[in-house]
């Protein structure tokens, strides 16, 4: 069975700008990542951010093995799936 992208939906994560996904991280490897991003708001533009409301300001991607919100071992999910 081939690998496919997945999403860990955690009830402890109440942030709209953070997701935990299982995805291809390079040519041959897959892993769990925490993606976090920030979108420009009206307040950011008023404070001098040189973009438009709704444009991406920054993003961060971290490789993880456990959910930072609930502590679940995500590598067990991976092992039990394939």
Foldseek 3Di string as FASTA:
>chain_A
DDDDKDWDDDPQDPDPFWTWMWQAPDDPDIAIKIKGWDFDDPVNVVVPDPDDGGHTDDMDIDGDQADPRPGHGVVVVVVVPD
